[in-house]
Amino acid sequence: GGDGSFYQVKRGLEHLIMENVDYN
């Protein structure tokens, strides 16, 4: 729809960090 995705992605990153998932 043309809207920014930043806050959706930021939430996903926070879940990765919270659950100690290896990520880059």
mmCIF file of all heavy atoms, coordinates in Angstrom:
data_MODEL
# 
_entry.id   MODEL 
# 
loop_
_atom_site.group_PDB 
_atom_site.id 
_atom_site.type_symbol 
_atom_site.label_atom_id 
_atom_site.label_alt_id 
_atom_site.label_comp_id 
_atom_site.label_asym_id 
_atom_site.label_entity_id 
_atom_site.label_seq_id 
_atom_site.pdbx_PDB_ins_code 
_atom_site.Cartn_x 
_atom_site.Cartn_y 
_atom_site.Cartn_z 
_atom_site.occupancy 
_atom_site.B_iso_or_equiv 
_atom_site.pdbx_formal_charge 
_atom_site.auth_seq_id 
_atom_site.auth_comp_id 
_atom_site.auth_asym_id 
_atom_site.auth_atom_id 
_atom_site.pdbx_PDB_model_num 
ATOM 1   N N   . GLY A 1 1  ? 0.798  -1.220  0.000  1.00 0.00 ? 1  GLY A N   1 
ATOM 2   C CA  . GLY A 1 1  ? 0.000  0.000   0.000  1.00 0.00 ? 1  GLY A CA  1 
ATOM 3   C C   . GLY A 1 1  ? 0.828  1.266   0.000  1.00 0.00 ? 1  GLY A C   1 
ATOM 4   O O   . GLY A 1 1  ? 0.277  2.368   0.053  1.00 0.00 ? 1  GLY A O   1 
ATOM 5   N N   . GLY A 1 2  ? 2.139  1.124   -0.020 1.00 0.00 ? 2  GLY A N   1 
ATOM 6   C CA  . GLY A 1 2  ? 3.021  2.275   -0.062 1.00 0.00 ? 2  GLY A CA  1 
ATOM 7   C C   . GLY A 1 2  ? 3.411  2.843   1.289  1.00 0.00 ? 2  GLY A C   1 
ATOM 8   O O   . GLY A 1 2  ? 4.073  3.881   1.358  1.00 0.00 ? 2  GLY A O   1 
ATOM 9   N N   . ASP A 1 3  ? 3.009  2.172   2.366  1.00 0.00 ? 3  ASP A N   1 
ATOM 10  C CA  . ASP A 1 3  ? 3.356  2.654   3.703  1.00 0.00 ? 3  ASP A CA  1 
ATOM 11  C C   . ASP A 1 3  ? 4.739  2.147   4.119  1.00 0.00 ? 3  ASP A C   1 
ATOM 12  O O   . ASP A 1 3  ? 5.195  1.090   3.665  1.00 0.00 ? 3  ASP A O   1 
ATOM 13  C CB  . ASP A 1 3  ? 2.319  2.177   4.729  1.00 0.00 ? 3  ASP A CB  1 
ATOM 14  C CG  . ASP A 1 3  ? 0.934  2.732   4.452  1.00 0.00 ? 3  ASP A CG  1 
ATOM 15  O OD1 . ASP A 1 3  ? 0.853  3.898   4.015  1.00 0.00 ? 3  ASP A OD1 1 
ATOM 16  O OD2 . ASP A 1 3  ? -0.051 1.996   4.654  1.00 0.00 ? 3  ASP A OD2 1 
ATOM 17  N N   . GLY A 1 4  ? 5.389  2.872   5.011  1.00 0.00 ? 4  GLY A N   1 
ATOM 18  C CA  . GLY A 1 4  ? 6.687  2.446   5.515  1.00 0.00 ? 4  GLY A CA  1 
ATOM 19  C C   . GLY A 1 4  ? 6.578  1.164   6.334  1.00 0.00 ? 4  GLY A C   1 
ATOM 20  O O   . GLY A 1 4  ? 5.554  0.884   6.953  1.00 0.00 ? 4  GLY A O   1 
ATOM 21  N N   . SER A 1 5  ? 7.653  0.390   6.342  1.00 0.00 ? 5  SER A N   1 
ATOM 22  C CA  . SER A 1 5  ? 7.658  -0.897  7.053  1.00 0.00 ? 5  SER A CA  1 
ATOM 23  C C   . SER A 1 5  ? 8.535  -0.876  8.304  1.00 0.00 ? 5  SER A C   1 
ATOM 24  O O   . SER A 1 5  ? 8.689  -1.901  8.964  1.00 0.00 ? 5  SER A O   1 
ATOM 25  C CB  . SER A 1 5  ? 8.154  -2.007  6.116  1.00 0.00 ? 5  SER A CB  1 
ATOM 26  O OG  . SER A 1 5  ? 9.494  -1.770  5.698  1.00 0.00 ? 5  SER A OG  1 
ATOM 27  N N   . PHE A 1 6  ? 9.118  0.272   8.639  1.00 0.00 ? 6  PHE A N   1 
ATOM 28  C CA  . PHE A 1 6  ? 10.141 0.324   9.681  1.00 0.00 ? 6  PHE A CA  1 
ATOM 29  C C   . PHE A 1 6  ? 9.674  -0.268  11.002 1.00 0.00 ? 6  PHE A C   1 
ATOM 30  O O   . PHE A 1 6  ? 10.377 -1.097  11.600 1.00 0.00 ? 6  PHE A O   1 
ATOM 31  C CB  . PHE A 1 6  ? 10.600 1.768   9.902  1.00 0.00 ? 6  PHE A CB  1 
ATOM 32  C CG  . PHE A 1 6  ? 11.619 1.908   11.006 1.00 0.00 ? 6  PHE A CG  1 
ATOM 33  C CD1 . PHE A 1 6  ? 12.937 1.569   10.786 1.00 0.00 ? 6  PHE A CD1 1 
ATOM 34  C CD2 . PHE A 1 6  ? 11.239 2.379   12.264 1.00 0.00 ? 6  PHE A CD2 1 
ATOM 35  C CE1 . PHE A 1 6  ? 13.876 1.702   11.810 1.00 0.00 ? 6  PHE A CE1 1 
ATOM 36  C CE2 . PHE A 1 6  ? 12.167 2.505   13.282 1.00 0.00 ? 6  PHE A CE2 1 
ATOM 37  C CZ  . PHE A 1 6  ? 13.490 2.163   13.052 1.00 0.00 ? 6  PHE A CZ  1 
ATOM 38  N N   . TYR A 1 7  ? 8.510  0.132   11.485 1.00 0.00 ? 7  TYR A N   1 
ATOM 39  C CA  . TYR A 1 7  ? 8.099  -0.304  12.815 1.00 0.00 ? 7  TYR A CA  1 
ATOM 40  C C   . TYR A 1 7  ? 7.729  -1.790  12.848 1.00 0.00 ? 7  TYR A C   1 
ATOM 41  O O   . TYR A 1 7  ? 7.915  -2.454  13.876 1.00 0.00 ? 7  TYR A O   1 
ATOM 42  C CB  . TYR A 1 7  ? 6.964  0.572   13.348 1.00 0.00 ? 7  TYR A CB  1 
ATOM 43  C CG  . TYR A 1 7  ? 7.482  1.921   13.790 1.00 0.00 ? 7  TYR A CG  1 
ATOM 44  C CD1 . TYR A 1 7  ? 7.311  3.054   12.995 1.00 0.00 ? 7  TYR A CD1 1 
ATOM 45  C CD2 . TYR A 1 7  ? 8.200  2.055   14.968 1.00 0.00 ? 7  TYR A CD2 1 
ATOM 46  C CE1 . TYR A 1 7  ? 7.826  4.284   13.379 1.00 0.00 ? 7  TYR A CE1 1 
ATOM 47  C CE2 . TYR A 1 7  ? 8.716  3.284   15.366 1.00 0.00 ? 7  TYR A CE2 1 
ATOM 48  C CZ  . TYR A 1 7  ? 8.529  4.391   14.571 1.00 0.00 ? 7  TYR A CZ  1 
ATOM 49  O OH  . TYR A 1 7  ? 9.056  5.607   14.942 1.00 0.00 ? 7  TYR A OH  1 
ATOM 50  N N   . GLN A 1 8  ? 7.236  -2.328  11.738 1.00 0.00 ? 8  GLN A N   1 
ATOM 51  C CA  . GLN A 1 8  ? 7.003  -3.773  11.668 1.00 0.00 ? 8  GLN A CA  1 
ATOM 52  C C   . GLN A 1 8  ? 8.327  -4.531  11.755 1.00 0.00 ? 8  GLN A C   1 
ATOM 53  O O   . GLN A 1 8  ? 8.438  -5.549  12.445 1.00 0.00 ? 8  GLN A O   1 
ATOM 54  C CB  . GLN A 1 8  ? 6.296  -4.134  10.363 1.00 0.00 ? 8  GLN A CB  1 
ATOM 55  C CG  . GLN A 1 8  ? 4.904  -3.559  10.212 1.00 0.00 ? 8  GLN A CG  1 
ATOM 56  C CD  . GLN A 1 8  ? 4.299  -3.934  8.878  1.00 0.00 ? 8  GLN A CD  1 
ATOM 57  O OE1 . GLN A 1 8  ? 4.158  -5.107  8.547  1.00 0.00 ? 8  GLN A OE1 1 
ATOM 58  N NE2 . GLN A 1 8  ? 3.950  -2.929  8.078  1.00 0.00 ? 8  GLN A NE2 1 
ATOM 59  N N   . VAL A 1 9  ? 9.328  -4.029  11.039 1.00 0.00 ? 9  VAL A N   1 
ATOM 60  C CA  . VAL A 1 9  ? 10.641 -4.682  11.037 1.00 0.00 ? 9  VAL A CA  1 
ATOM 61  C C   . VAL A 1 9  ? 11.307 -4.539  12.401 1.00 0.00 ? 9  VAL A C   1 
ATOM 62  O O   . VAL A 1 9  ? 11.899 -5.493  12.920 1.00 0.00 ? 9  VAL A O   1 
ATOM 63  C CB  . VAL A 1 9  ? 11.531 -4.084  9.923  1.00 0.00 ? 9  VAL A CB  1 
ATOM 64  C CG1 . VAL A 1 9  ? 12.908 -4.733  9.942  1.00 0.00 ? 9  VAL A CG1 1 
ATOM 65  C CG2 . VAL A 1 9  ? 10.877 -4.256  8.559  1.00 0.00 ? 9  VAL A CG2 1 
ATOM 66  N N   . LYS A 1 10 ? 11.206 -3.366  12.990 1.00 0.00 ? 10 LYS A N   1 
ATOM 67  C CA  . LYS A 1 10 ? 11.786 -3.129  14.311 1.00 0.00 ? 10 LYS A CA  1 
ATOM 68  C C   . LYS A 1 10 ? 11.194 -4.096  15.341 1.00 0.00 ? 10 LYS A C   1 
ATOM 69  O O   . LYS A 1 10 ? 11.914 -4.634  16.193 1.00 0.00 ? 10 LYS A O   1 
ATOM 70  C CB  . LYS A 1 10 ? 11.529 -1.688  14.733 1.00 0.00 ? 10 LYS A CB  1 
ATOM 71  C CG  . LYS A 1 10 ? 12.182 -1.271  16.052 1.00 0.00 ? 10 LYS A CG  1 
ATOM 72  C CD  . LYS A 1 10 ? 12.005 0.224   16.267 1.00 0.00 ? 10 LYS A CD  1 
ATOM 73  C CE  . LYS A 1 10 ? 12.686 0.692   17.559 1.00 0.00 ? 10 LYS A CE  1 
ATOM 74  N NZ  . LYS A 1 10 ? 11.951 0.251   18.747 1.00 0.00 ? 10 LYS A NZ  1 
ATOM 75  N N   . ARG A 1 11 ? 9.888  -4.325  15.250 1.00 0.00 ? 11 ARG A N   1 
ATOM 76  C CA  . ARG A 1 11 ? 9.253  -5.274  16.166 1.00 0.00 ? 11 ARG A CA  1 
ATOM 77  C C   . ARG A 1 11 ? 9.797  -6.690  15.949 1.00 0.00 ? 11 ARG A C   1 
ATOM 78  O O   . ARG A 1 11 ? 10.050 -7.434  16.905 1.00 0.00 ? 11 ARG A O   1 
ATOM 79  C CB  . ARG A 1 11 ? 7.734  -5.253  15.962 1.00 0.00 ? 11 ARG A CB  1 
ATOM 80  C CG  . ARG A 1 11 ? 6.971  -6.152  16.951 1.00 0.00 ? 11 ARG A CG  1 
ATOM 81  C CD  . ARG A 1 11 ? 5.477  -5.997  16.793 1.00 0.00 ? 11 ARG A CD  1 
ATOM 82  N NE  . ARG A 1 11 ? 5.029  -6.422  15.465 1.00 0.00 ? 11 ARG A NE  1 
ATOM 83  C CZ  . ARG A 1 11 ? 4.514  -5.611  14.555 1.00 0.00 ? 11 ARG A CZ  1 
ATOM 84  N NH1 . ARG A 1 11 ? 4.378  -4.319  14.831 1.00 0.00 ? 11 ARG A NH1 1 
ATOM 85  N NH2 . ARG A 1 11 ? 4.129  -6.057  13.376 1.00 0.00 ? 11 ARG A NH2 1 
ATOM 86  N N   . GLY A 1 12 ? 9.998  -7.057  14.685 1.00 0.00 ? 12 GLY A N   1 
ATOM 87  C CA  . GLY A 1 12 ? 10.574 -8.368  14.396 1.00 0.00 ? 12 GLY A CA  1 
ATOM 88  C C   . GLY A 1 12 ? 11.968 -8.516  14.968 1.00 0.00 ? 12 GLY A C   1 
ATOM 89  O O   . GLY A 1 12 ? 12.320 -9.559  15.542 1.00 0.00 ? 12 GLY A O   1 
ATOM 90  N N   . LEU A 1 13 ? 12.788 -7.464  14.837 1.00 0.00 ? 13 LEU A N   1 
ATOM 91  C CA  . LEU A 1 13 ? 14.138 -7.492  15.395 1.00 0.00 ? 13 LEU A CA  1 
ATOM 92  C C   . LEU A 1 13 ? 14.088 -7.622  16.910 1.00 0.00 ? 13 LEU A C   1 
ATOM 93  O O   . LEU A 1 13 ? 14.873 -8.375  17.514 1.00 0.00 ? 13 LEU A O   1 
ATOM 94  C CB  . LEU A 1 13 ? 14.889 -6.225  14.993 1.00 0.00 ? 13 LEU A CB  1 
ATOM 95  C CG  . LEU A 1 13 ? 16.304 -6.067  15.581 1.00 0.00 ? 13 LEU A CG  1 
ATOM 96  C CD1 . LEU A 1 13 ? 17.211 -7.206  15.146 1.00 0.00 ? 13 LEU A CD1 1 
ATOM 97  C CD2 . LEU A 1 13 ? 16.896 -4.717  15.168 1.00 0.00 ? 13 LEU A CD2 1 
ATOM 98  N N   . GLU A 1 14 ? 13.168 -6.925  17.535 1.00 0.00 ? 14 GLU A N   1 
ATOM 99  C CA  . GLU A 1 14 ? 13.037 -7.012  18.997 1.00 0.00 ? 14 GLU A CA  1 
ATOM 100 C C   . GLU A 1 14 ? 12.696 -8.427  19.434 1.00 0.00 ? 14 GLU A C   1 
ATOM 101 O O   . GLU A 1 14 ? 13.194 -8.911  20.456 1.00 0.00 ? 14 GLU A O   1 
ATOM 102 C CB  . GLU A 1 14 ? 11.972 -6.016  19.475 1.00 0.00 ? 14 GLU A CB  1 
ATOM 103 C CG  . GLU A 1 14 ? 12.421 -4.563  19.357 1.00 0.00 ? 14 GLU A CG  1 
ATOM 104 C CD  . GLU A 1 14 ? 11.282 -3.576  19.546 1.00 0.00 ? 14 GLU A CD  1 
ATOM 105 O OE1 . GLU A 1 14 ? 10.099 -4.018  19.603 1.00 0.00 ? 14 GLU A OE1 1 
ATOM 106 O OE2 . GLU A 1 14 ? 11.550 -2.357  19.638 1.00 0.00 ? 14 GLU A OE2 1 
ATOM 107 N N   . HIS A 1 15 ? 11.846 -9.123  18.670 1.00 0.00 ? 15 HIS A N   1 
ATOM 108 C CA  . HIS A 1 15 ? 11.526 -10.516 18.984 1.00 0.00 ? 15 HIS A CA  1 
ATOM 109 C C   . HIS A 1 15 ? 12.762 -11.407 18.839 1.00 0.00 ? 15 HIS A C   1 
ATOM 110 O O   . HIS A 1 15 ? 12.988 -12.307 19.667 1.00 0.00 ? 15 HIS A O   1 
ATOM 111 C CB  . HIS A 1 15 ? 10.404 -11.028 18.084 1.00 0.00 ? 15 HIS A CB  1 
ATOM 112 C CG  . HIS A 1 15 ? 9.050  -10.457 18.403 1.00 0.00 ? 15 HIS A CG  1 
ATOM 113 N ND1 . HIS A 1 15 ? 8.574  -10.346 19.685 1.00 0.00 ? 15 HIS A ND1 1 
ATOM 114 C CD2 . HIS A 1 15 ? 8.058  -9.991  17.596 1.00 0.00 ? 15 HIS A CD2 1 
ATOM 115 C CE1 . HIS A 1 15 ? 7.363  -9.824  19.672 1.00 0.00 ? 15 HIS A CE1 1 
ATOM 116 N NE2 . HIS A 1 15 ? 7.022  -9.599  18.413 1.00 0.00 ? 15 HIS A NE2 1 
ATOM 117 N N   . LEU A 1 16 ? 13.558 -11.177 17.812 1.00 0.00 ? 16 LEU A N   1 
ATOM 118 C CA  . LEU A 1 16 ? 14.782 -11.957 17.622 1.00 0.00 ? 16 LEU A CA  1 
ATOM 119 C C   . LEU A 1 16 ? 15.716 -11.792 18.815 1.00 0.00 ? 16 LEU A C   1 
ATOM 120 O O   . LEU A 1 16 ? 16.271 -12.776 19.335 1.00 0.00 ? 16 LEU A O   1 
ATOM 121 C CB  . LEU A 1 16 ? 15.502 -11.522 16.341 1.00 0.00 ? 16 LEU A CB  1 
ATOM 122 C CG  . LEU A 1 16 ? 14.861 -11.879 15.008 1.00 0.00 ? 16 LEU A CG  1 
ATOM 123 C CD1 . LEU A 1 16 ? 15.607 -11.195 13.865 1.00 0.00 ? 16 LEU A CD1 1 
ATOM 124 C CD2 . LEU A 1 16 ? 14.849 -13.396 14.789 1.00 0.00 ? 16 LEU A CD2 1 
ATOM 125 N N   . ILE A 1 17 ? 15.879 -10.552 19.257 1.00 0.00 ? 17 ILE A N   1 
ATOM 126 C CA  . ILE A 1 17 ? 16.769 -10.269 20.381 1.00 0.00 ? 17 ILE A CA  1 
ATOM 127 C C   . ILE A 1 17 ? 16.215 -10.869 21.670 1.00 0.00 ? 17 ILE A C   1 
ATOM 128 O O   . ILE A 1 17 ? 16.945 -11.479 22.461 1.00 0.00 ? 17 ILE A O   1 
ATOM 129 C CB  . ILE A 1 17 ? 16.979 -8.745  20.516 1.00 0.00 ? 17 ILE A CB  1 
ATOM 130 C CG1 . ILE A 1 17 ? 17.729 -8.199  19.291 1.00 0.00 ? 17 ILE A CG1 1 
ATOM 131 C CG2 . ILE A 1 17 ? 17.730 -8.419  21.801 1.00 0.00 ? 17 ILE A CG2 1 
ATOM 132 C CD1 . ILE A 1 17 ? 17.814 -6.684  19.232 1.00 0.00 ? 17 ILE A CD1 1 
ATOM 133 N N   . MET A 1 18 ? 14.903 -10.725 21.874 1.00 0.00 ? 18 MET A N   1 
ATOM 134 C CA  . MET A 1 18 ? 14.256 -11.242 23.078 1.00 0.00 ? 18 MET A CA  1 
ATOM 135 C C   . MET A 1 18 ? 14.418 -12.754 23.208 1.00 0.00 ? 18 MET A C   1 
ATOM 136 O O   . MET A 1 18 ? 14.638 -13.283 24.296 1.00 0.00 ? 18 MET A O   1 
ATOM 137 C CB  . MET A 1 18 ? 12.768 -10.879 23.064 1.00 0.00 ? 18 MET A CB  1 
ATOM 138 C CG  . MET A 1 18 ? 12.013 -11.242 24.335 1.00 0.00 ? 18 MET A CG  1 
ATOM 139 S SD  . MET A 1 18 ? 10.232 -10.897 24.163 1.00 0.00 ? 18 MET A SD  1 
ATOM 140 C CE  . MET A 1 18 ? 10.273 -9.184  23.623 1.00 0.00 ? 18 MET A CE  1 
ATOM 141 N N   . GLU A 1 19 ? 14.346 -13.453 22.076 1.00 0.00 ? 19 GLU A N   1 
ATOM 142 C CA  . GLU A 1 19 ? 14.420 -14.917 22.097 1.00 0.00 ? 19 GLU A CA  1 
ATOM 143 C C   . GLU A 1 19 ? 15.830 -15.445 21.835 1.00 0.00 ? 19 GLU A C   1 
ATOM 144 O O   . GLU A 1 19 ? 16.022 -16.648 21.648 1.00 0.00 ? 19 GLU A O   1 
ATOM 145 C CB  . GLU A 1 19 ? 13.450 -15.496 21.058 1.00 0.00 ? 19 GLU A CB  1 
ATOM 146 C CG  . GLU A 1 19 ? 11.988 -15.234 21.373 1.00 0.00 ? 19 GLU A CG  1 
ATOM 147 C CD  . GLU A 1 19 ? 11.539 -15.853 22.684 1.00 0.00 ? 19 GLU A CD  1 
ATOM 148 O OE1 . GLU A 1 19 ? 11.999 -16.974 23.003 1.00 0.00 ? 19 GLU A OE1 1 
ATOM 149 O OE2 . GLU A 1 19 ? 10.750 -15.203 23.406 1.00 0.00 ? 19 GLU A OE2 1 
ATOM 150 N N   . ASN A 1 20 ? 16.812 -14.533 21.803 1.00 0.00 ? 20 ASN A N   1 
ATOM 151 C CA  . ASN A 1 20 ? 18.216 -14.919 21.619 1.00 0.00 ? 20 ASN A CA  1 
ATOM 152 C C   . ASN A 1 20 ? 18.458 -15.713 20.336 1.00 0.00 ? 20 ASN A C   1 
ATOM 153 O O   . ASN A 1 20 ? 19.205 -16.698 20.313 1.00 0.00 ? 20 ASN A O   1 
ATOM 154 C CB  . ASN A 1 20 ? 18.716 -15.727 22.830 1.00 0.00 ? 20 ASN A CB  1 
ATOM 155 C CG  . ASN A 1 20 ? 18.769 -14.900 24.098 1.00 0.00 ? 20 ASN A CG  1 
ATOM 156 O OD1 . ASN A 1 20 ? 19.254 -13.774 24.086 1.00 0.00 ? 20 ASN A OD1 1 
ATOM 157 N ND2 . ASN A 1 20 ? 18.250 -15.457 25.180 1.00 0.00 ? 20 ASN A ND2 1 
ATOM 158 N N   . VAL A 1 21 ? 17.821 -15.275 19.273 1.00 0.00 ? 21 VAL A N   1 
ATOM 159 C CA  . VAL A 1 21 ? 18.038 -15.893 17.966 1.00 0.00 ? 21 VAL A CA  1 
ATOM 160 C C   . VAL A 1 21 ? 19.306 -15.295 17.354 1.00 0.00 ? 21 VAL A C   1 
ATOM 161 O O   . VAL A 1 21 ? 19.517 -14.079 17.413 1.00 0.00 ? 21 VAL A O   1 
ATOM 162 C CB  . VAL A 1 21 ? 16.838 -15.633 17.031 1.00 0.00 ? 21 VAL A CB  1 
ATOM 163 C CG1 . VAL A 1 21 ? 17.074 -16.274 15.664 1.00 0.00 ? 21 VAL A CG1 1 
ATOM 164 C CG2 . VAL A 1 21 ? 15.557 -16.176 17.656 1.00 0.00 ? 21 VAL A CG2 1 
ATOM 165 N N   . ASP A 1 22 ? 20.135 -16.138 16.773 1.00 0.00 ? 22 ASP A N   1 
ATOM 166 C CA  . ASP A 1 22 ? 21.306 -15.627 16.061 1.00 0.00 ? 22 ASP A CA  1 
ATOM 167 C C   . ASP A 1 22 ? 20.840 -14.888 14.807 1.00 0.00 ? 22 ASP A C   1 
ATOM 168 O O   . ASP A 1 22 ? 20.037 -15.418 14.027 1.00 0.00 ? 22 ASP A O   1 
ATOM 169 C CB  . ASP A 1 22 ? 22.233 -16.772 15.653 1.00 0.00 ? 22 ASP A CB  1 
ATOM 170 C CG  . ASP A 1 22 ? 22.982 -17.365 16.839 1.00 0.00 ? 22 ASP A CG  1 
ATOM 171 O OD1 . ASP A 1 22 ? 23.153 -16.661 17.841 1.00 0.00 ? 22 ASP A OD1 1 
ATOM 172 O OD2 . ASP A 1 22 ? 23.378 -18.539 16.746 1.00 0.00 ? 22 ASP A OD2 1 
ATOM 173 N N   . TYR A 1 23 ? 21.345 -13.688 14.611 1.00 0.00 ? 23 TYR A N   1 
ATOM 174 C CA  . TYR A 1 23 ? 20.870 -12.909 13.464 1.00 0.00 ? 23 TYR A CA  1 
ATOM 175 C C   . TYR A 1 23 ? 21.955 -11.945 13.011 1.00 0.00 ? 23 TYR A C   1 
ATOM 176 O O   . TYR A 1 23 ? 22.927 -11.652 13.724 1.00 0.00 ? 23 TYR A O   1 
ATOM 177 C CB  . TYR A 1 23 ? 19.614 -12.102 13.831 1.00 0.00 ? 23 TYR A CB  1 
ATOM 178 C CG  . TYR A 1 23 ? 19.895 -10.928 14.735 1.00 0.00 ? 23 TYR A CG  1 
ATOM 179 C CD1 . TYR A 1 23 ? 20.129 -9.658  14.206 1.00 0.00 ? 23 TYR A CD1 1 
ATOM 180 C CD2 . TYR A 1 23 ? 19.973 -11.096 16.116 1.00 0.00 ? 23 TYR A CD2 1 
ATOM 181 C CE1 . TYR A 1 23 ? 20.421 -8.585  15.042 1.00 0.00 ? 23 TYR A CE1 1 
ATOM 182 C CE2 . TYR A 1 23 ? 20.268 -10.037 16.948 1.00 0.00 ? 23 TYR A CE2 1 
ATOM 183 C CZ  . TYR A 1 23 ? 20.491 -8.789  16.409 1.00 0.00 ? 23 TYR A CZ  1 
ATOM 184 O OH  . TYR A 1 23 ? 20.792 -7.725  17.224 1.00 0.00 ? 23 TYR A OH  1 
ATOM 185 N N   . ASN A 1 24 ? 21.822 -11.455 11.793 1.00 0.00 ? 24 ASN A N   1 
ATOM 186 C CA  . ASN A 1 24 ? 22.601 -10.315 11.338 1.00 0.00 ? 24 ASN A CA  1 
ATOM 187 C C   . ASN A 1 24 ? 21.673 -9.380  10.586 1.00 0.00 ? 24 ASN A C   1 
ATOM 188 O O   . ASN A 1 24 ? 20.588 -9.775  10.147 1.00 0.00 ? 24 ASN A O   1 
ATOM 189 C CB  . ASN A 1 24 ? 23.809 -10.736 10.487 1.00 0.00 ? 24 ASN A CB  1 
ATOM 190 C CG  . ASN A 1 24 ? 23.427 -11.571 9.292  1.00 0.00 ? 24 ASN A CG  1 
ATOM 191 O OD1 . ASN A 1 24 ? 22.562 -11.191 8.509  1.00 0.00 ? 24 ASN A OD1 1 
ATOM 192 N ND2 . ASN A 1 24 ? 24.069 -12.721 9.138  1.00 0.00 ? 24 ASN A ND2 1 
# 
